[in-house]
Protein backbone atom coordinates (compact mmCIF):
# COMPACT_ATOMS: atom_id res chain seq x y z
CA UNK A 1 -0.60 -47.72 43.16
CA UNK A 2 -2.15 -46.23 39.82
CA UNK A 3 -5.69 -46.17 41.51
CA UNK A 4 -3.78 -43.70 44.30
CA UNK A 5 -2.01 -41.65 41.75
CA UNK A 6 -4.91 -40.72 39.32
CA UNK A 7 -6.93 -39.14 42.21
CA UNK A 8 -3.84 -37.13 43.25
CA UNK A 9 -3.15 -36.15 39.41
CA UNK A 10 -6.89 -35.19 39.11
CA UNK A 11 -7.17 -33.01 42.38
CA UNK A 12 -3.81 -30.86 41.20
CA UNK A 13 -5.22 -30.53 37.77
CA UNK A 14 -8.59 -29.28 39.06
CA UNK A 15 -6.66 -26.91 41.71
CA UNK A 16 -4.36 -25.67 38.64
CA UNK A 17 -7.69 -24.80 36.86
CA UNK A 18 -9.14 -22.81 39.76
CA UNK A 19 -6.04 -20.86 39.66
CA UNK A 20 -6.08 -19.97 36.03
CA UNK A 21 -9.63 -19.13 36.66
CA UNK A 22 -9.10 -16.84 39.60
CA UNK A 23 -6.16 -15.12 37.66
CA UNK A 24 -8.27 -14.48 34.67
CA UNK A 25 -11.11 -13.00 36.88
CA UNK A 26 -8.74 -10.89 38.83
CA UNK A 27 -7.72 -9.66 35.29
CA UNK A 28 -11.06 -8.43 34.59
CA UNK A 29 -10.78 -6.31 38.04
CA UNK A 30 -10.28 -2.62 38.07
CA UNK A 31 -9.85 -0.85 41.06
CA UNK A 32 -10.97 -3.97 42.93
CA UNK A 33 -14.17 -3.94 41.23
CA UNK A 34 -15.42 -6.82 38.92
CA UNK A 35 -15.92 -5.60 35.58
CA UNK A 36 -18.32 -7.07 32.75
CA UNK A 37 -17.55 -6.81 29.16
CA UNK A 38 -20.86 -5.85 27.47
CA UNK A 39 -21.79 -4.43 23.86
CA UNK A 40 -21.11 -7.48 21.62
CA UNK A 41 -20.47 -4.66 18.83
CA UNK A 42 -17.66 -3.06 20.48
CA UNK A 43 -15.85 -6.45 21.49
CA UNK A 44 -16.47 -7.96 17.86
CA UNK A 45 -14.50 -4.69 16.71
CA UNK A 46 -11.66 -4.96 19.07
CA UNK A 47 -11.40 -8.50 17.85
CA UNK A 48 -10.38 -8.12 14.19
CA UNK A 49 -12.57 -10.03 12.08
CA UNK A 50 -12.93 -9.90 8.14
CA UNK A 51 -16.29 -9.28 6.72
CA UNK A 52 -17.61 -10.53 3.51
CA UNK A 53 -16.18 -9.03 0.47
CA UNK A 54 -18.57 -6.01 -0.92
CA UNK A 55 -19.01 -5.88 -4.65
CA UNK A 56 -20.71 -2.61 -5.46
CA UNK A 57 -23.21 -2.97 -8.49
CA UNK A 58 -23.93 1.00 -8.50
CA UNK A 59 -22.16 4.08 -7.97
CA UNK A 60 -22.36 3.84 -3.91
CA UNK A 61 -21.48 1.09 -1.43
CA UNK A 62 -22.12 1.52 2.45
CA UNK A 63 -19.16 0.18 4.76
CA UNK A 64 -21.15 -1.11 7.87
CA UNK A 65 -18.23 -1.49 10.55
CA UNK A 66 -20.51 -3.60 12.51
CA UNK A 67 -19.66 -6.56 10.24
CA UNK A 68 -16.21 -6.51 10.96
CA UNK A 69 -13.38 -3.81 11.29
CA UNK A 70 -11.64 -5.13 8.31
CA UNK A 71 -13.81 -4.65 5.13
CA UNK A 72 -12.95 -5.78 1.43
CA UNK A 73 -14.23 -3.84 -1.37
CA UNK A 74 -14.14 -5.26 -4.87
CA UNK A 75 -14.25 -3.16 -7.74
CA UNK A 76 -14.01 -6.15 -10.21
CA UNK A 77 -16.31 -5.17 -13.18
CA UNK A 78 -19.46 -4.60 -11.07
CA UNK A 79 -19.12 -0.92 -10.12
CA UNK A 80 -20.96 1.65 -12.30
CA UNK A 81 -17.76 3.94 -12.42
CA UNK A 82 -16.42 5.86 -9.34
CA UNK A 83 -17.65 4.30 -5.98
CA UNK A 84 -19.01 6.89 -3.16
CA UNK A 85 -18.60 5.30 0.01
CA UNK A 86 -20.78 5.81 3.32
CA UNK A 87 -19.38 4.42 6.44
CA UNK A 88 -21.69 3.40 9.38
CA UNK A 89 -21.41 2.08 13.04
CA UNK A 90 -18.09 3.04 13.88
CA UNK A 91 -16.61 2.68 17.52
CA UNK A 92 -14.55 5.65 19.05
CA UNK A 93 -11.03 4.29 19.66
CA UNK A 94 -11.33 1.37 17.10
CA UNK A 95 -9.03 0.77 14.04
CA UNK A 96 -10.52 0.02 10.63
CA UNK A 97 -8.99 -1.43 7.57
CA UNK A 98 -10.57 -1.04 3.99
CA UNK A 99 -8.97 -3.07 1.37
CA UNK A 100 -9.78 -2.17 -2.31
CA UNK A 101 -9.00 -4.33 -5.06
CA UNK A 102 -9.32 -2.56 -8.40
CA UNK A 103 -11.36 -4.03 -11.42
CA UNK A 104 -10.28 -3.68 -14.93
CA UNK A 105 -12.28 -0.83 -15.69
CA UNK A 106 -10.16 1.40 -13.34
CA UNK A 107 -12.71 2.65 -11.00
CA UNK A 108 -11.99 5.13 -7.92
CA UNK A 109 -13.25 5.51 -4.54
CA UNK A 110 -14.95 8.60 -3.10
CA UNK A 111 -14.63 9.04 0.48
CA UNK A 112 -16.72 10.73 3.12
CA UNK A 113 -15.56 14.26 4.14
CA UNK A 114 -14.75 13.01 7.70
CA UNK A 115 -11.80 10.87 6.61
CA UNK A 116 -8.53 12.63 7.22
CA UNK A 117 -5.07 12.28 6.29
CA UNK A 118 -1.81 13.53 7.48
CA UNK A 119 -1.04 16.99 6.30
CA UNK A 120 -4.86 18.48 7.05
CA UNK A 121 -5.90 17.23 3.63
CA UNK A 122 -8.55 14.63 2.63
CA UNK A 123 -8.38 13.48 -0.72
CA UNK A 124 -12.14 13.31 -1.59
CA UNK A 125 -11.14 10.65 -4.22
CA UNK A 126 -8.91 7.71 -4.08
CA UNK A 127 -7.12 7.14 -7.04
CA UNK A 128 -6.96 3.58 -6.84
CA UNK A 129 -4.09 1.90 -8.39
CA UNK A 130 -4.61 1.20 -11.89
CA UNK A 131 -3.61 -2.26 -12.60
CA UNK A 132 -6.28 -4.98 -12.68
CA UNK A 133 -6.69 -6.77 -9.40
CA UNK A 134 -4.38 -4.18 -7.84
CA UNK A 135 -4.90 -3.77 -4.00
CA UNK A 136 -4.84 -0.87 -2.16
CA UNK A 137 -5.60 -0.41 1.90
CA UNK A 138 -6.72 2.44 3.93
CA UNK A 139 -6.06 2.00 7.39
CA UNK A 140 -8.10 4.29 9.79
CA UNK A 141 -8.67 5.04 13.53
CA UNK A 142 -12.13 6.62 14.43
CA UNK A 143 -11.95 9.40 16.95
CA UNK A 144 -15.35 9.76 17.58
CA UNK A 145 -15.86 12.31 15.00
CA UNK A 146 -13.38 11.78 12.15
CA UNK A 147 -11.37 8.55 10.67
CA UNK A 148 -7.82 9.40 10.80
CA UNK A 149 -6.19 7.62 7.80
CA UNK A 150 -3.22 6.12 6.23
CA UNK A 151 -3.14 5.18 2.17
CA UNK A 152 -1.11 2.58 1.10
CA UNK A 153 -1.32 1.45 -2.33
CA UNK A 154 0.15 -0.95 -5.22
CA UNK A 155 0.04 -4.00 -3.46
CA UNK A 156 -0.06 -6.16 -6.18
């Protein structure tokens, strides 16, 4: 009896897996045409990943969004005063988060001119929360030209 049930179970499982795969493939159809996912960079940025922590050793730091759309900037005693940021490899429509951790020496962050905040004014310099190890975040959506940003301060 067991020998008869196992093949039936396997056949049903294979059928169910086939149905699931078909539904998945149909989910990738748009207007009846199969779509492919290309451009690993774009896919990686849609699937939020946290890059390694950046610790600037001078007065500048590059934020490369290809490394992840969540970046951590740690100012703990490594920065040489205020840190000027450049941001490279954004994708239009992607959301980015920059987590800033303050150091004991109270550094500020100078943003690129295309980082815009509500109200039409862009603070060229973010006065990072002053407590040692305080955390601020800047959440941004890149529209193809500008980063539309929101600043939240003093997490810790």
